[in-house]
Protein backbone atom coordinates (compact mmCIF):
# COMPACT_ATOMS: atom_id res chain seq x y z
CA MET A 1 95.48 87.74 84.07
CA ALA A 2 96.50 91.37 83.68
CA ASN A 3 99.06 92.92 85.98
CA MET A 4 98.39 96.26 87.68
CA ALA A 5 100.21 98.34 85.06
CA GLN A 6 98.12 96.73 82.31
CA ALA A 7 94.94 97.27 84.35
CA ILE A 8 95.72 100.97 84.74
CA ARG A 9 96.43 101.19 81.02
CA MET A 10 93.11 99.58 80.15
CA ALA A 11 91.24 101.88 82.54
CA LEU A 12 92.83 104.95 80.95
CA HIS A 13 91.89 103.69 77.50
CA TYR A 14 88.31 103.03 78.57
CA ALA A 15 88.12 106.52 80.08
CA GLU A 16 89.46 108.30 76.99
CA GLU A 17 86.93 106.42 74.88
CA ASN A 18 83.92 106.79 77.20
CA TYR A 19 84.49 109.48 79.86
CA GLN A 20 85.93 112.34 77.79
CA LEU A 21 89.35 111.97 79.37
CA HIS A 22 91.34 114.44 77.27
CA ASP A 23 94.80 114.54 78.87
CA VAL A 24 97.11 111.98 80.46
CA PHE A 25 100.49 113.57 81.06
CA GLY A 26 103.69 113.55 83.08
CA GLN A 27 107.36 112.76 82.71
CA ASP A 28 107.86 110.07 80.01
CA VAL A 29 104.12 109.29 80.07
CA GLY A 30 103.65 109.63 76.31
CA ALA A 31 105.24 107.72 73.46
CA PRO A 32 107.55 105.95 73.13
CA LEU A 33 108.01 104.87 76.77
CA GLY A 34 104.45 105.08 78.08
CA GLY A 35 105.56 105.73 81.64
CA VAL A 36 108.36 104.24 83.70
CA PHE A 37 106.00 101.35 84.62
CA THR A 38 104.48 101.31 81.07
CA ALA A 39 101.07 102.08 82.59
CA THR A 40 100.26 104.63 79.84
CA GLN A 41 101.46 102.77 76.75
CA GLY A 42 99.15 103.20 73.79
CA ILE A 43 96.97 105.89 75.36
CA GLN A 44 96.06 108.34 72.59
CA CYS A 45 95.73 111.41 74.80
CA ALA A 46 99.02 110.79 76.67
CA TRP A 47 101.79 113.35 76.29
CA ASN A 48 105.19 114.07 77.80
CA SER A 49 105.64 116.99 80.16
CA PRO A 50 108.93 118.56 81.21
CA LEU A 51 110.60 117.17 84.31
CA ASP A 52 108.74 119.62 86.53
CA GLU A 53 106.45 118.26 89.23
CA ARG A 54 105.08 121.70 90.13
CA GLY A 55 104.35 122.35 86.48
CA ILE A 56 102.54 119.01 86.19
CA ILE A 57 100.29 119.70 89.18
CA GLY A 58 99.72 123.32 88.12
CA MET A 59 98.71 122.20 84.64
CA ALA A 60 96.31 119.63 86.12
CA ILE A 61 94.65 122.26 88.30
CA GLY A 62 94.19 124.53 85.28
CA ILE A 63 92.64 121.73 83.23
CA GLY A 64 90.33 120.89 86.13
CA MET A 65 89.25 124.51 86.57
CA ALA A 66 88.32 124.51 82.89
CA GLY A 67 85.94 121.64 83.66
CA LYS A 68 87.89 118.92 81.88
CA ARG A 69 89.11 115.59 83.17
CA CYS A 70 92.79 114.68 83.23
CA VAL A 71 95.18 112.21 84.80
CA ALA A 72 98.53 113.73 85.76
CA GLU A 73 101.35 111.43 86.77
CA ILE A 74 104.20 112.15 89.16
CA GLN A 75 106.64 109.41 88.21
CA PHE A 76 107.36 108.38 91.83
CA ALA A 77 105.70 109.61 95.02
CA ASP A 78 109.17 110.51 96.27
CA TYR A 79 109.06 113.57 93.98
CA ILE A 80 105.62 114.90 94.87
CA PHE A 81 106.64 116.59 98.11
CA ASN A 82 107.63 119.87 96.44
CA THR A 83 104.03 120.24 95.23
CA MET A 84 102.32 120.14 98.64
CA ASP A 85 101.18 123.77 98.53
CA LEU A 86 99.61 123.22 95.10
CA LEU A 87 97.88 120.04 96.27
CA LYS A 88 96.51 122.03 99.20
CA LEU A 89 95.17 124.67 96.81
CA ALA A 90 93.50 122.03 94.63
CA GLY A 91 91.82 120.53 97.67
CA ASN A 92 90.62 123.95 98.80
CA MET A 93 89.24 125.09 95.45
CA TYR A 94 85.64 123.83 95.64
CA TRP A 95 85.26 125.06 99.23
CA ALA A 96 87.00 128.40 98.67
CA SER A 97 85.00 129.16 95.51
CA HIS A 98 81.69 128.42 97.27
CA GLY A 99 81.05 125.56 94.87
CA GLN A 100 81.80 127.46 91.66
CA TYR A 101 84.84 125.37 90.72
CA SER A 102 85.22 121.64 91.12
CA ILE A 103 88.56 120.08 90.23
CA PRO A 104 87.80 116.73 88.48
CA ILE A 105 91.46 115.65 88.25
CA VAL A 106 93.38 112.54 89.13
CA VAL A 107 97.00 112.68 90.24
CA MET A 108 98.57 109.25 89.90
CA THR A 109 101.86 108.51 91.62
CA PRO A 110 103.30 105.09 92.56
CA VAL A 111 104.07 104.69 96.26
CA GLY A 112 105.95 102.61 98.76
CA ALA A 113 108.93 100.34 99.07
CA GLY A 114 109.39 96.75 97.94
CA ILE A 115 111.38 97.47 94.77
CA ARG A 116 114.77 98.07 96.45
CA GLY A 117 114.54 101.66 95.29
CA SER A 118 116.72 103.14 98.05
CA ILE A 119 116.25 106.58 99.52
CA TYR A 120 114.82 108.32 96.43
CA HIS A 121 112.36 105.67 95.20
CA SER A 122 110.89 104.03 98.32
CA HIS A 123 108.73 106.70 99.98
CA SER A 124 105.12 106.20 100.92
CA PHE A 125 102.65 109.06 100.61
CA ASP A 126 99.37 107.79 102.04
CA SER A 127 99.65 109.42 105.49
CA TRP A 128 100.83 112.70 103.97
CA ALA A 129 97.95 112.57 101.51
CA SER A 130 95.40 111.99 104.28
CA ARG A 131 96.24 115.49 105.59
CA LEU A 132 95.03 117.17 102.38
CA PRO A 133 91.36 118.07 102.94
CA GLY A 134 89.32 118.09 99.74
CA TRP A 135 91.20 115.17 98.14
CA LYS A 136 90.09 111.56 97.90
CA ILE A 137 92.90 109.04 98.46
CA VAL A 138 92.90 105.65 96.73
CA LEU A 139 95.34 102.73 97.10
CA PRO A 140 94.57 99.61 95.03
CA SER A 141 95.89 96.22 96.11
CA ASN A 142 95.25 94.23 92.92
CA PRO A 143 94.70 94.81 89.18
CA LEU A 144 90.91 94.48 89.16
CA ASP A 145 90.60 97.02 91.97
CA ALA A 146 93.07 99.30 90.19
CA TYR A 147 90.81 99.22 87.11
CA GLY A 148 87.58 99.83 89.00
CA LEU A 149 88.98 102.41 91.39
CA LEU A 150 90.72 104.38 88.64
CA LEU A 151 87.52 104.61 86.58
CA SER A 152 85.64 105.85 89.65
CA SER A 153 88.43 108.33 90.37
CA ILE A 154 88.29 109.76 86.85
CA LEU A 155 84.51 110.20 87.09
CA ASP A 156 84.64 111.83 90.51
CA PRO A 157 84.18 115.64 90.54
CA ASN A 158 86.74 115.97 93.34
CA PRO A 159 90.52 115.80 93.03
CA VAL A 160 91.71 112.23 93.62
CA LEU A 161 95.15 110.94 94.51
CA PHE A 162 95.50 107.49 92.95
CA LEU A 163 98.44 105.72 94.62
CA PRO A 164 99.30 102.34 93.08
CA PRO A 165 102.04 100.48 94.99
CA LYS A 166 105.30 100.35 93.05
CA ALA A 167 105.92 96.76 94.08
CA LEU A 168 102.59 95.60 92.64
CA MET A 169 102.80 97.14 89.18
CA ARG A 170 104.09 93.90 87.64
CA VAL A 171 102.02 91.55 89.82
CA LYS A 172 99.23 89.66 88.05
CA GLY A 173 95.72 89.56 89.44
CA LYS A 174 93.48 86.65 90.34
CA GLU A 175 90.37 87.93 88.55
CA LEU A 176 89.79 89.00 84.97
CA ILE A 177 89.10 92.63 84.19
CA PRO A 178 85.73 92.88 82.37
CA GLY A 179 86.49 92.39 78.68
CA GLU A 180 90.05 91.13 79.23
CA PRO A 181 90.97 87.99 77.24
CA GLU A 182 91.54 84.91 79.39
CA ASP A 183 94.90 84.18 77.76
CA GLU A 184 97.47 86.56 79.27
CA LYS A 185 99.76 86.03 76.27
CA GLU A 186 96.97 87.25 74.02
CA LEU A 187 96.54 90.35 76.19
CA LYS A 188 100.26 91.03 76.11
CA ALA A 189 100.33 90.76 72.31
CA MET A 190 97.40 93.17 72.10
CA ILE A 191 98.43 95.99 74.45
CA ASP A 192 102.14 95.66 75.36
CA ALA A 193 104.49 97.59 73.10
CA PRO A 194 107.36 95.51 71.67
CA ILE A 195 110.94 96.02 72.79
CA GLY A 196 112.87 98.08 70.27
CA ASP A 197 111.35 100.25 67.55
CA ARG A 198 107.83 101.29 68.55
CA THR A 199 107.27 104.04 66.02
CA GLN A 200 104.70 102.05 64.03
CA TRP A 201 103.18 100.14 66.95
CA LYS A 202 99.54 100.60 67.89
CA PRO A 203 97.64 98.65 70.55
CA ARG A 204 94.67 96.43 69.77
CA TRP A 205 92.41 97.05 72.75
CA PRO A 206 90.06 94.35 74.00
CA ARG A 207 86.36 95.19 74.25
CA LEU A 208 86.54 96.50 77.77
CA LYS A 209 83.50 97.04 79.97
CA GLU A 210 82.69 99.53 82.68
CA TYR A 211 83.53 98.37 86.20
CA LEU A 212 83.24 100.88 89.02
CA ILE A 213 84.27 100.47 92.66
CA PRO A 214 82.80 103.21 94.87
CA LEU A 215 85.46 105.35 96.52
CA GLY A 216 85.32 104.83 100.26
CA LYS A 217 84.09 101.25 100.06
CA GLY A 218 86.44 98.61 101.51
CA ARG A 219 86.21 94.84 101.17
CA ILE A 220 86.61 91.84 103.40
CA VAL A 221 89.41 89.70 101.97
CA LYS A 222 89.13 86.96 104.60
CA GLU A 223 86.39 86.54 107.19
CA GLY A 224 87.29 85.88 110.82
CA ASN A 225 86.02 86.31 114.36
CA ARG A 226 88.92 86.87 116.79
CA VAL A 227 91.09 89.68 115.31
CA THR A 228 90.38 92.38 112.73
CA LEU A 229 93.38 93.22 110.53
CA VAL A 230 92.98 96.42 108.48
CA THR A 231 95.45 97.35 105.75
CA TRP A 232 95.72 98.73 102.22
CA GLY A 233 97.95 98.75 99.14
CA ARG A 234 100.72 96.18 98.90
CA TYR A 235 100.29 95.05 102.50
CA VAL A 236 96.97 93.40 101.66
CA GLY A 237 98.82 90.61 99.88
CA ILE A 238 101.55 90.47 102.53
CA CYS A 239 99.00 90.19 105.36
CA GLU A 240 97.01 87.59 103.45
CA GLN A 241 100.15 85.48 103.09
CA VAL A 242 100.96 85.93 106.78
CA ILE A 243 97.51 84.65 107.72
CA ASP A 244 97.83 81.68 105.35
CA ASP A 245 101.25 80.82 106.82
CA LEU A 246 99.92 80.95 110.38
CA ILE A 247 97.01 78.71 109.43
CA ALA A 248 99.29 76.26 107.60
CA SER A 249 101.58 76.02 110.63
CA ALA A 250 98.56 75.45 112.92
CA MET A 251 99.39 78.55 114.96
CA ILE A 252 95.90 79.97 114.36
CA ASP A 253 92.59 78.64 113.09
CA SER A 254 91.25 79.49 109.66
CA THR A 255 88.54 81.72 111.13
CA ASP A 256 90.67 83.65 113.60
CA VAL A 257 91.60 86.72 111.53
CA GLU A 258 89.31 88.98 109.52
CA LEU A 259 91.35 90.81 106.85
CA ILE A 260 90.02 94.11 105.51
CA ASP A 261 91.36 95.89 102.42
CA LEU A 262 90.44 99.52 103.02
CA ARG A 263 91.01 100.47 99.33
CA SER A 264 90.47 104.19 100.02
CA ILE A 265 91.93 105.91 103.05
CA TYR A 266 89.78 108.96 102.42
CA PRO A 267 86.91 108.62 102.47
CA TYR A 268 87.36 105.41 104.41
CA ASP A 269 84.88 102.67 105.17
CA TRP A 270 84.30 103.26 108.87
CA PRO A 271 81.09 101.17 108.97
CA LEU A 272 83.05 98.15 107.70
CA ILE A 273 85.79 98.61 110.32
CA LYS A 274 83.25 99.27 113.07
CA GLU A 275 81.16 96.16 112.43
CA SER A 276 84.25 93.97 112.20
CA VAL A 277 85.77 95.29 115.44
CA LYS A 278 82.45 94.87 117.25
CA LYS A 279 82.56 91.22 116.15
CA THR A 280 86.22 90.43 116.90
CA ARG A 281 86.83 92.97 119.71
CA LYS A 282 90.49 93.25 118.69
CA VAL A 283 92.09 95.19 115.84
CA LEU A 284 95.47 95.57 114.15
CA PHE A 285 96.28 98.24 111.54
CA VAL A 286 99.23 97.63 109.18
CA ASN A 287 100.83 99.95 106.61
CA GLU A 288 104.30 101.01 105.51
CA ASP A 289 104.24 104.79 105.92
CA THR A 290 106.30 106.10 108.85
CA GLU A 291 104.90 105.46 112.31
CA VAL A 292 104.75 109.03 113.68
CA THR A 293 101.47 110.75 112.68
CA ASN A 294 100.58 107.68 110.66
CA PHE A 295 97.04 107.51 109.27
CA ALA A 296 96.49 104.25 111.14
CA GLU A 297 96.93 106.21 114.36
CA HIS A 298 93.78 108.14 113.45
CA LEU A 299 91.93 104.88 112.88
CA SER A 300 93.22 103.50 116.18
CA TYR A 301 92.11 106.67 117.96
CA ARG A 302 88.63 106.47 116.46
CA VAL A 303 88.28 102.81 117.40
CA THR A 304 89.32 103.62 120.97
CA LYS A 305 87.02 106.64 121.19
CA GLU A 306 83.89 105.09 119.69
CA LEU A 307 84.28 101.40 120.52
CA PHE A 308 86.14 101.51 123.85
CA TYR A 309 83.66 99.31 125.70
CA GLU A 310 83.62 96.78 122.86
CA LEU A 311 87.38 96.16 122.99
CA TRP A 312 89.10 93.23 124.66
CA ALA A 313 92.62 94.51 123.87
CA PRO A 314 94.24 97.85 122.95
CA PRO A 315 94.23 98.57 119.19
CA GLN A 316 97.63 97.89 117.62
CA VAL A 317 99.45 99.72 114.80
CA ILE A 318 102.36 98.35 112.77
CA ALA A 319 103.94 100.94 110.48
CA GLY A 320 107.24 101.92 108.93
CA ARG A 321 110.08 103.11 111.12
CA HIS A 322 110.46 106.85 111.69
CA VAL A 323 113.67 107.15 109.66
CA PRO A 324 114.57 109.78 107.01
CA GLY A 325 114.77 107.26 104.20
CA ILE A 326 115.13 103.62 103.20
CA GLY A 327 118.55 102.26 102.36
CA LEU A 328 119.45 100.32 99.21
CA HIS A 329 120.65 97.16 100.95
CA PRO A 330 117.82 94.63 101.45
CA ASN A 331 118.56 94.46 105.18
CA LEU A 332 118.08 98.22 105.50
CA GLU A 333 114.78 98.17 103.62
CA ASP A 334 113.50 95.15 105.54
CA ALA A 335 114.36 96.87 108.83
CA SER A 336 112.52 100.05 107.79
CA VAL A 337 109.09 98.70 106.79
CA PRO A 338 106.81 96.12 108.46
CA GLY A 339 107.81 92.52 107.91
CA ALA A 340 105.91 89.24 108.03
CA ASP A 341 107.47 88.10 111.33
CA GLU A 342 106.46 91.31 113.08
CA ILE A 343 102.87 91.00 111.82
CA LYS A 344 102.72 87.34 112.89
CA LYS A 345 103.86 88.13 116.44
CA VAL A 346 101.25 90.83 116.93
CA ILE A 347 98.44 88.66 115.52
CA ILE A 348 99.32 85.80 117.85
CA ALA A 349 99.66 88.14 120.85
CA LEU A 350 96.22 89.62 120.13
CA ILE A 351 94.62 86.20 119.80
CA GLN A 352 96.14 85.15 123.12
CA GLU A 353 94.93 88.32 124.86
CA VAL A 354 92.04 87.51 127.17
CA PRO A 355 89.52 90.03 128.55
């Protein structure tokens, strides 16, 4: 099975062959490295930009205003903050021009902790991104979703922030990408550049197929009837493991928790959340961005406002601590972002809550 970096690479190749994707660019995105996570190896239209985040975003906006599609990469989300005014302008463009200019660009930047990246390589960006009207915000949790969501993002006429979790870039999926060979060693030999001299290397792409996941459409990972757990990005896998551990230890039943992968936090799948909460009457939101003005607070507010009389317990939010950064030592990182034990305690407390 492909990992997420390989899935992104295959989506970019499919797009340059079929969607008129003309430019993939950013720091070290072109040959020979193909990106710090190797997610752009072998892409023909990939090229290296200067180390200049504002220049990268400005170039993307110009390409989009010319009506062309591009994928611009900011190497880590930690370095996108000095472009906020430009991101705001890109989100405003269609509205401000009265529909004359759409900006069909994708800005891809890996997010989150989990790689022991310390203060300069562990930031999340999803809650910040949710405050940029005009942008669509996508966070894949597995390679197949990364493939399908990235293709949909490239086709979308709006600017899209594609935020793959750093900690998942090397994690293999459970489902084949359409056209991917079943043997992962065969895939690696086809599309992974060798270590060492790559000057003569060219990928041999599999016969990939179109696979589109609509932006704003979540999925139910596990069905349940007593608690709704909503998350996105790398915490989908973490929450799934938490639920499995609780079931294995007989602390909950197999049908107690309904796990939702939101996939896109804007637009987000409110009908999916609403129907699940009306069924379970209890909800927990989990993500790793900092807890103050966290996007999950908006979701919690909406649940309270629109489903107040359906609830049997107050909506709960577990998020990252409101600290300036994440330290290098594992204990510091683990104390800064949600952990399995914390999620377990809240799930059990919600299940035990009686109306």
